Protein backbone atom coordinates (compact mmCIF):
# COMPACT_ATOMS: atom_id res chain seq x y z
CA MET A 1 -14.71 -26.88 -22.67
CA LYS A 2 -17.02 -23.90 -22.37
CA LEU A 3 -15.40 -20.88 -20.74
CA ASP A 4 -17.02 -19.00 -17.88
CA PRO A 5 -18.22 -15.52 -18.99
CA ASN A 6 -15.79 -13.91 -16.53
CA GLU A 7 -12.92 -15.85 -18.10
CA ILE A 8 -13.93 -14.64 -21.54
CA VAL A 9 -14.05 -11.00 -20.39
CA LEU A 10 -10.73 -11.34 -18.60
CA ARG A 11 -9.00 -12.93 -21.58
CA GLU A 12 -10.16 -10.15 -23.91
CA ALA A 13 -9.09 -7.47 -21.43
CA ALA A 14 -5.73 -9.12 -20.72
CA GLU A 15 -4.90 -9.55 -24.40
CA ALA A 16 -5.70 -5.88 -25.00
CA ALA A 17 -3.61 -4.97 -21.95
CA ARG A 18 -0.69 -7.03 -23.27
CA ALA A 19 -0.72 -5.13 -26.54
CA ALA A 20 -1.01 -1.84 -24.66
CA SER A 21 1.86 -2.72 -22.32
CA SER A 22 4.13 -3.48 -25.28
CA ALA A 23 3.36 -0.08 -26.79
CA LEU A 24 3.59 1.67 -23.43
CA ALA A 25 7.07 0.29 -22.73
CA GLN A 26 8.27 2.11 -25.86
CA THR A 27 6.37 5.33 -25.17
CA PRO A 28 8.56 8.34 -24.30
CA ALA A 29 8.46 9.38 -20.66
CA ALA A 30 7.23 12.84 -21.67
CA LEU A 31 4.08 11.33 -23.21
CA ARG A 32 3.39 9.11 -20.19
CA ASP A 33 3.81 12.13 -17.93
CA ALA A 34 1.51 14.23 -20.11
CA ALA A 35 -1.15 11.52 -19.87
CA LEU A 36 -0.86 11.59 -16.08
CA ARG A 37 -1.31 15.35 -15.98
CA GLU A 38 -4.34 15.10 -18.28
CA ALA A 39 -5.78 12.36 -16.07
CA ALA A 40 -5.36 14.56 -13.00
CA ALA A 41 -7.12 17.43 -14.78
CA ALA A 42 -9.96 15.11 -15.81
CA LEU A 43 -10.39 13.92 -12.21
CA ARG A 44 -10.69 17.55 -11.12
CA ARG A 45 -13.27 18.30 -13.83
CA HIS A 46 -15.32 15.25 -12.95
CA ALA A 47 -15.11 15.64 -9.16
CA PRO A 48 -18.90 16.23 -8.90
CA ASP A 49 -19.57 12.98 -10.80
CA ILE A 50 -17.10 11.08 -8.63
CA LEU A 51 -18.66 12.45 -5.43
CA ALA A 52 -22.13 11.51 -6.65
CA ALA A 53 -20.96 7.96 -7.41
CA ASN A 54 -19.32 7.77 -4.00
CA ALA A 55 -22.57 8.85 -2.36
CA GLN A 56 -24.23 5.82 -3.98
CA ASP A 57 -21.62 3.54 -2.41
CA ILE A 58 -21.87 5.23 0.98
CA ALA A 59 -25.66 4.94 0.95
CA THR A 60 -25.49 1.14 0.75
CA SER A 61 -22.53 0.71 3.12
CA THR A 62 -23.16 -1.27 6.29
CA GLY A 63 -19.59 -1.20 7.62
CA THR A 64 -18.12 0.40 10.73
CA GLU A 65 -17.36 4.10 10.99
CA ALA A 66 -13.70 3.37 10.20
CA PHE A 67 -14.75 1.32 7.15
CA ARG A 68 -16.98 4.14 5.93
CA ASP A 69 -14.07 6.54 6.38
CA ARG A 70 -11.95 4.38 4.07
CA LEU A 71 -14.76 4.36 1.54
CA LEU A 72 -15.59 8.06 1.76
CA LEU A 73 -14.42 10.56 -0.86
CA THR A 74 -14.51 14.31 -0.27
CA GLU A 75 -13.43 17.30 -2.33
CA ALA A 76 -10.23 17.41 -0.27
CA ARG A 77 -9.52 13.72 -0.88
CA ILE A 78 -10.09 14.06 -4.61
CA ALA A 79 -7.75 17.06 -4.61
CA ALA A 80 -5.14 14.97 -2.79
CA MET A 81 -5.64 12.19 -5.33
CA THR A 82 -5.01 14.54 -8.25
CA GLU A 83 -1.99 16.11 -6.56
CA GLY A 84 -0.58 12.64 -6.02
CA ILE A 85 -0.94 11.84 -9.72
CA GLU A 86 0.84 15.07 -10.64
CA THR A 87 3.64 14.23 -8.20
CA VAL A 88 4.00 10.83 -9.87
CA ALA A 89 4.22 12.58 -13.24
CA ALA A 90 7.06 14.77 -11.93
CA LEU A 91 9.16 11.84 -10.73
CA PRO A 92 12.19 10.68 -12.74
CA ASP A 93 11.43 8.08 -15.40
CA PRO A 94 11.80 4.68 -13.68
CA LEU A 95 12.53 3.05 -17.05
CA ASP A 96 15.43 5.33 -17.97
CA ARG A 97 17.84 3.60 -15.62
CA THR A 98 21.02 1.59 -16.08
CA LEU A 99 21.11 -0.40 -12.86
CA ALA A 100 24.62 -1.73 -13.38
CA LYS A 101 27.28 -1.79 -16.09
CA TRP A 102 30.55 -3.68 -16.38
CA THR A 103 33.08 -4.86 -18.96
CA ARG A 104 34.29 -8.43 -19.19
CA PRO A 105 37.94 -9.36 -19.94
CA ASN A 106 36.89 -10.28 -23.51
CA GLY A 107 35.62 -6.75 -24.09
CA LEU A 108 31.89 -7.49 -23.81
CA VAL A 109 29.99 -4.65 -22.15
CA ILE A 110 27.08 -5.86 -20.04
CA ARG A 111 24.33 -3.55 -18.83
CA ARG A 112 21.44 -4.30 -16.50
CA VAL A 113 18.56 -1.96 -17.42
CA ALA A 114 15.12 -1.34 -15.96
CA GLN A 115 12.00 -2.49 -17.75
CA PRO A 116 8.26 -2.75 -16.96
CA ILE A 117 6.82 -5.93 -15.50
CA GLY A 118 4.05 -6.03 -18.12
CA VAL A 119 0.40 -6.56 -17.15
CA ILE A 120 -0.54 -5.93 -13.54
CA GLY A 121 -3.73 -7.23 -11.94
CA MET A 122 -4.84 -5.07 -8.99
CA ILE A 123 -7.51 -6.38 -6.61
CA TYR A 124 -8.48 -3.92 -3.89
CA GLU A 125 -11.19 -3.28 -1.33
CA SER A 126 -13.09 -0.26 -0.02
CA ARG A 127 -10.67 2.64 -0.70
CA PRO A 128 -11.63 3.94 -4.17
CA ASN A 129 -8.59 6.23 -4.46
CA VAL A 130 -6.45 3.08 -4.80
CA GLY A 131 -7.65 2.78 -8.40
CA ALA A 132 -6.29 6.23 -9.32
CA ASP A 133 -3.02 5.66 -7.43
CA THR A 134 -2.52 2.29 -9.10
CA ALA A 135 -3.31 3.59 -12.57
CA ALA A 136 -0.84 6.47 -12.14
CA ILE A 137 1.99 4.28 -10.86
CA CYS A 138 1.47 1.64 -13.53
CA LEU A 139 1.33 4.21 -16.34
CA LYS A 140 4.47 5.93 -15.05
CA SER A 141 6.36 2.62 -14.93
CA GLY A 142 5.16 1.48 -18.37
CA ASN A 143 2.82 -1.26 -17.14
CA ALA A 144 -0.76 -1.92 -18.24
CA VAL A 145 -3.19 -2.64 -15.40
CA LEU A 146 -6.47 -4.46 -14.85
CA LEU A 147 -8.31 -3.00 -11.86
CA ARG A 148 -10.85 -4.87 -9.79
CA GLY A 149 -12.24 -2.77 -6.94
CA GLY A 150 -14.49 -4.05 -4.19
CA SER A 151 -18.25 -4.27 -4.58
CA GLU A 152 -18.62 -1.74 -1.77
CA SER A 153 -16.82 0.93 -3.87
CA PHE A 154 -17.98 -0.16 -7.33
CA PHE A 155 -19.61 3.10 -8.43
CA SER A 156 -16.77 5.26 -7.09
CA ALA A 157 -14.13 3.09 -8.77
CA CYS A 158 -15.91 3.21 -12.12
CA ALA A 159 -16.28 7.01 -11.98
CA ILE A 160 -12.58 7.44 -11.18
CA HIS A 161 -11.61 5.09 -13.98
CA ALA A 162 -13.81 6.96 -16.49
CA ALA A 163 -12.04 10.22 -15.66
CA PHE A 164 -8.61 8.60 -15.89
CA ALA A 165 -9.47 7.09 -19.27
CA GLU A 166 -10.36 10.56 -20.50
CA GLY A 167 -6.81 11.65 -19.72
CA LEU A 168 -5.44 8.76 -21.77
CA ARG A 169 -7.63 9.71 -24.74
CA GLU A 170 -6.48 13.32 -24.55
CA THR A 171 -2.86 12.26 -25.11
CA GLY A 172 -3.52 9.51 -27.63
CA LEU A 173 -2.48 6.61 -25.41
CA PRO A 174 -4.65 3.47 -25.65
CA GLU A 175 -7.37 3.34 -23.02
CA THR A 176 -6.55 -0.34 -22.63
CA CYS A 177 -3.47 0.75 -20.64
CA VAL A 178 -5.87 1.06 -17.68
CA GLN A 179 -8.97 -1.15 -17.57
CA ILE A 180 -11.47 -1.87 -14.82
CA ALA A 181 -13.57 -4.96 -14.21
CA PRO A 182 -17.05 -4.29 -15.63
CA THR A 183 -18.69 -6.23 -12.83
CA ALA A 184 -18.43 -6.77 -9.08
CA ASP A 185 -18.93 -10.52 -9.63
CA ARG A 186 -16.43 -12.45 -7.52
CA GLY A 187 -15.99 -14.80 -10.45
CA PHE A 188 -13.90 -12.11 -12.10
CA VAL A 189 -11.43 -12.27 -9.21
CA ALA A 190 -11.22 -16.05 -9.64
CA ALA A 191 -10.54 -15.57 -13.35
CA MET A 192 -7.76 -13.09 -12.56
CA LEU A 193 -6.15 -15.48 -10.10
CA ALA A 194 -6.19 -18.23 -12.69
CA GLY A 195 -4.81 -15.94 -15.40
CA ALA A 196 -1.33 -17.41 -15.77
CA GLY A 197 0.11 -16.15 -19.05
CA LEU A 198 -2.42 -13.32 -19.18
CA ILE A 199 -1.39 -11.37 -16.08
CA ASP A 200 2.24 -11.04 -14.95
CA LEU A 201 1.70 -9.93 -11.35
CA ILE A 202 -1.29 -9.82 -9.01
CA ILE A 203 -1.35 -7.23 -6.21
CA PRO A 204 -4.05 -7.64 -3.55
CA ARG A 205 -4.80 -4.72 -1.26
CA GLY A 206 -7.33 -5.25 1.48
CA GLY A 207 -8.05 -7.28 4.58
CA ARG A 208 -6.44 -10.51 5.68
CA SER A 209 -9.12 -12.69 4.08
CA LEU A 210 -8.58 -11.14 0.64
CA VAL A 211 -4.80 -11.42 0.80
CA GLU A 212 -4.94 -15.02 2.05
CA LEU A 213 -7.41 -15.94 -0.71
CA VAL A 214 -5.14 -14.46 -3.38
CA GLN A 215 -2.01 -16.11 -2.00
CA ARG A 216 -3.79 -19.45 -1.73
CA GLU A 217 -5.55 -19.50 -5.10
CA ALA A 218 -3.34 -17.49 -7.47
CA ARG A 219 -1.53 -19.16 -10.34
CA VAL A 220 0.12 -15.80 -11.02
CA PRO A 221 3.00 -14.29 -8.97
CA VAL A 222 1.67 -12.21 -6.05
CA LEU A 223 3.05 -9.02 -4.47
CA ALA A 224 1.22 -9.12 -1.17
CA HIS A 225 -0.01 -6.17 0.84
CA ALA A 226 -0.58 -7.85 4.19
CA GLU A 227 -2.39 -6.42 7.18
CA GLY A 228 -0.86 -3.55 9.11
CA LEU A 229 -0.53 -4.94 12.61
CA ASN A 230 1.82 -2.12 13.58
CA HIS A 231 3.46 -1.40 16.94
CA THR A 232 4.66 1.79 18.58
CA TYR A 233 7.16 1.06 21.35
CA VAL A 234 7.71 3.77 23.97
CA HIS A 235 11.21 3.13 25.29
CA GLN A 236 12.27 4.12 28.79
CA ALA A 237 14.38 6.96 27.32
CA ALA A 238 11.43 8.49 25.44
CA ASP A 239 10.60 12.17 25.71
CA PRO A 240 7.16 12.04 27.40
CA GLU A 241 5.60 14.91 25.47
CA MET A 242 6.86 13.55 22.17
CA ALA A 243 5.50 10.13 23.06
CA ARG A 244 2.07 11.58 23.77
CA ARG A 245 1.96 13.46 20.45
CA VAL A 246 3.27 10.60 18.34
CA VAL A 247 1.15 7.85 19.90
CA ALA A 248 -2.06 9.89 19.59
CA ASN A 249 -1.35 10.57 15.91
CA ALA A 250 -0.19 7.03 15.14
CA LYS A 251 -3.45 5.58 16.43
CA MET A 252 -6.12 8.20 15.93
CA ARG A 253 -5.22 10.37 12.90
CA ARG A 254 -7.01 7.82 10.72
CA PRO A 255 -7.49 4.56 12.63
CA GLY A 256 -8.81 2.73 9.58
CA VAL A 257 -5.65 2.95 7.45
CA CYS A 258 -3.04 0.22 7.29
CA GLY A 259 -0.36 2.50 8.73
CA ALA A 260 -2.24 3.04 11.99
CA THR A 261 -0.66 1.71 15.18
CA GLU A 262 -2.63 -1.23 16.55
CA THR A 263 -0.52 -2.06 19.62
CA LEU A 264 1.21 0.21 22.11
CA LEU A 265 4.23 -1.25 23.89
CA ILE A 266 5.69 0.68 26.83
CA ASP A 267 8.65 -0.02 29.07
CA ALA A 268 7.80 -1.00 32.63
CA ALA A 269 10.31 1.56 33.93
CA ILE A 270 8.24 4.52 32.70
CA ALA A 271 4.76 3.01 32.43
CA PRO A 272 3.50 4.11 35.89
CA GLY A 273 4.26 7.75 35.14
CA LEU A 274 3.42 7.94 31.42
CA LEU A 275 0.77 5.34 30.60
CA PRO A 276 -2.12 7.17 32.38
CA SER A 277 -1.44 10.28 30.26
CA LEU A 278 -1.23 8.28 27.04
CA VAL A 279 -4.52 6.55 27.83
CA ALA A 280 -6.23 9.81 28.75
CA ASP A 281 -5.08 11.49 25.53
CA LEU A 282 -6.34 8.63 23.39
CA ALA A 283 -9.61 8.23 25.29
CA ALA A 284 -10.33 11.93 24.75
CA LEU A 285 -10.04 11.25 21.01
CA GLY A 286 -12.53 8.38 21.21
CA CYS A 287 -10.16 5.43 21.49
CA ALA A 288 -11.05 2.19 23.27
CA PHE A 289 -8.50 -0.26 24.69
CA ARG A 290 -7.53 -3.88 25.28
CA ALA A 291 -4.78 -4.08 27.88
CA CYS A 292 -2.49 -6.65 29.51
CA GLY A 293 -2.56 -7.27 33.27
CA ARG A 294 0.47 -5.09 33.97
CA ALA A 295 -1.12 -2.15 32.15
CA ARG A 296 -4.41 -2.67 34.03
CA ALA A 297 -2.52 -2.62 37.33
CA ILE A 298 -1.49 0.94 36.44
CA VAL A 299 -4.80 2.06 34.86
CA PRO A 300 -7.47 -0.23 36.40
CA ALA A 301 -10.25 1.06 34.12
CA LEU A 302 -8.62 -0.49 31.06
CA PRO A 303 -10.50 -3.52 29.67
CA ALA A 304 -8.58 -6.80 29.75
CA ALA A 305 -6.96 -8.05 26.55
CA THR A 306 -7.07 -11.62 25.32
CA GLU A 307 -4.00 -13.09 23.63
CA GLY A 308 -5.91 -12.91 20.34
CA ASP A 309 -6.30 -9.14 20.73
CA PHE A 310 -2.58 -8.74 20.14
CA ASP A 311 -3.00 -10.56 16.81
CA THR A 312 -5.81 -8.24 15.68
CA GLU A 313 -5.58 -5.47 13.11
CA TRP A 314 -8.40 -3.36 14.51
CA LEU A 315 -8.69 -0.82 11.67
CA ASP A 316 -10.78 1.07 14.17
CA ALA A 317 -10.44 3.30 17.24
CA ILE A 318 -9.23 0.42 19.41
CA LEU A 319 -5.70 0.00 20.76
CA SER A 320 -4.02 -3.03 22.33
CA VAL A 321 -1.71 -2.06 25.20
CA LYS A 322 1.14 -4.08 26.71
CA VAL A 323 3.79 -3.26 29.29
CA VAL A 324 7.15 -4.83 28.43
CA ASP A 325 10.32 -5.31 30.45
CA ASP A 326 12.79 -3.87 27.95
CA ILE A 327 13.71 -3.63 24.28
CA ASP A 328 14.28 -7.39 24.01
CA ASP A 329 10.79 -8.04 25.36
CA ALA A 330 9.34 -5.52 22.89
CA LEU A 331 11.16 -7.13 19.94
CA ALA A 332 10.01 -10.60 21.03
CA HIS A 333 6.39 -9.41 21.19
CA ILE A 334 6.62 -7.86 17.71
CA ALA A 335 8.20 -11.01 16.28
CA ARG A 336 5.38 -13.11 17.75
CA HIS A 337 2.42 -10.90 16.84
CA GLY A 338 3.47 -8.47 14.08
CA SER A 339 2.67 -8.58 10.36
CA SER A 340 6.03 -7.26 9.04
CA HIS A 341 4.47 -3.92 8.05
CA THR A 342 5.61 -0.96 10.19
CA GLU A 343 7.08 -0.59 13.68
CA ALA A 344 8.14 2.55 15.55
CA ILE A 345 10.27 3.32 18.60
CA ILE A 346 10.04 6.52 20.62
CA THR A 347 13.33 7.18 22.39
CA GLU A 348 16.11 9.72 22.88
CA ASP A 349 18.65 6.89 23.11
CA ARG A 350 20.34 6.55 19.72
CA ALA A 351 21.83 3.15 20.54
CA ALA A 352 18.44 1.80 21.59
CA ALA A 353 16.87 3.12 18.39
CA GLY A 354 19.56 1.47 16.29
CA ARG A 355 19.10 -1.82 18.09
CA PHE A 356 15.33 -1.69 17.60
CA LEU A 357 15.53 -0.81 13.90
CA ALA A 358 18.04 -3.61 13.31
CA GLY A 359 16.03 -6.08 15.38
CA ILE A 360 12.66 -5.83 13.64
CA ASP A 361 11.88 -7.76 10.47
CA SER A 362 9.27 -5.36 9.12
CA ALA A 363 9.26 -3.54 5.80
CA VAL A 364 9.41 -0.15 7.53
CA GLY A 365 10.96 0.90 10.84
CA MET A 366 10.52 4.36 12.35
CA TRP A 367 12.28 6.31 15.08
CA ASN A 368 10.45 9.15 16.80
CA ALA A 369 7.77 9.36 14.12
CA SER A 370 4.17 8.26 13.67
CA THR A 371 3.57 4.96 11.91
CA GLN A 372 1.05 6.80 9.75
CA PHE A 373 3.98 8.18 7.75
CA CYS A 374 4.21 4.73 6.14
CA ASP A 375 2.64 5.95 2.93
CA GLY A 376 3.89 6.31 -0.62
CA GLY A 377 2.97 9.99 -0.74
CA GLU A 378 4.90 10.69 2.44
CA PHE A 379 7.89 8.79 1.03
CA GLY A 380 7.90 11.11 -1.99
CA PHE A 381 6.42 8.56 -4.41
CA GLY A 382 3.32 10.70 -5.06
CA ALA A 383 1.09 7.69 -4.44
CA GLU A 384 1.39 4.01 -3.67
CA ILE A 385 -0.16 0.76 -4.76
CA GLY A 386 0.23 -0.64 -1.27
CA ILE A 387 2.76 -1.61 1.37
CA ALA A 388 4.54 -4.80 0.35
CA THR A 389 5.38 -6.96 3.36
CA GLY A 390 6.90 -10.00 1.66
CA ARG A 391 10.59 -10.65 1.15
CA ILE A 392 10.68 -11.00 -2.63
CA HIS A 393 11.00 -8.13 -5.12
CA ALA A 394 9.60 -5.03 -3.33
CA ARG A 395 9.12 -4.13 0.34
CA GLY A 396 7.37 -1.14 1.91
CA PRO A 397 5.46 1.46 -0.12
CA VAL A 398 5.21 0.38 -3.76
CA GLY A 399 5.76 3.23 -6.20
CA PRO A 400 6.79 3.38 -9.88
CA GLU A 401 10.35 2.16 -9.36
CA GLN A 402 9.10 -0.89 -7.45
CA LEU A 403 6.95 -1.92 -10.43
CA THR A 404 9.93 -2.46 -12.68
CA THR A 405 12.14 -5.47 -13.22
CA PHE A 406 15.26 -5.65 -15.38
CA ARG A 407 16.85 -7.23 -18.42
CA TYR A 408 20.42 -7.40 -19.70
CA GLN A 409 21.96 -5.79 -22.75
CA VAL A 410 25.26 -7.21 -23.99
CA ILE A 411 27.33 -5.10 -26.40
CA GLY A 412 30.23 -6.62 -28.30
CA ASN A 413 32.47 -5.95 -31.26
CA GLY A 414 32.49 -9.33 -32.91
CA GLN A 415 33.36 -11.63 -29.98
CA VAL A 416 32.74 -15.35 -30.39
CA ARG A 417 32.84 -17.85 -27.55
CA PRO A 418 35.72 -20.35 -27.64
């Protein structure tokens, strides 16, 4: 049977990545860290080239303002990208870990030790910095990676990869540790999804349609980054000024990121006094709304929400608003409409906060903080591959430690089994 050209390219890349991952797993941490620092320096040197490539992508973009913001690179964002890589380099070696150790009655010593997963396939959309973050985290954790960015960020992704590859060359590590799809052809994605035995783990990062496609079609294990349908719940014991600051930031700091709040829940007991101020603050920042009937009874100018609005990840300057009876009502709404990403409660009541954090089933819960802190950099990981929302392997921001698995080492002194 004749192979599709994308399958041929993928097989060659994956076989090279497999060889690279084997070598990388035995590479000293100091050399991996040096490669990361060289890659960061190369990204700084080639910032003008990266910005020029990004301008090509921006020029052909037809997305919303929030979409263009996700796509846009600036000098400050490139600087943040390089600083993130250097932070990853400074982290402890995730492979130099004995996870558990015990001695059996027969004298056998058993150790559970960390090891890389192997070859990672990363499929991502729009945000070109994801390629650099992923490359850094995979290199730090001893994994080889095949990157496939979206067609909308193709030129930016290739320019970032070229700079990163320069850092690998400078330290003598094989460039095949980090490879990028040479084409934006969707057939390459299909080849990756069918790459059982070639790729050990697929990580999709993008909208619902991408994640659902990968989960439906993949013959390779998937670590899913689902949509961020996040809630901020303003409890009746909230400090009003804190609530205003946190809600405004959670929604409008960058409304197009997955950590942005998409639904505001507010207790009926305080809604008449606080909701008008929250709405006014957000409206002044350019936010639009979709509100339930109880919220519209307090602020009549609010547009009416449909039930589907509460299932929508806006990724834009739009906020769904609902008045709830109490914490149980808030938790029930989140369970019905949430995506298991990030939820926050604003309250001065410690018991209420504890109940909320225990009652949600999301990867990240926050108390008196903006949901936009759900980010690998803010967690101290330097960068992140995404926010894992499944229940297997990793949850929350995925950094170097989350891209390891383990094996066992058994040490004896001549024992034989009876």
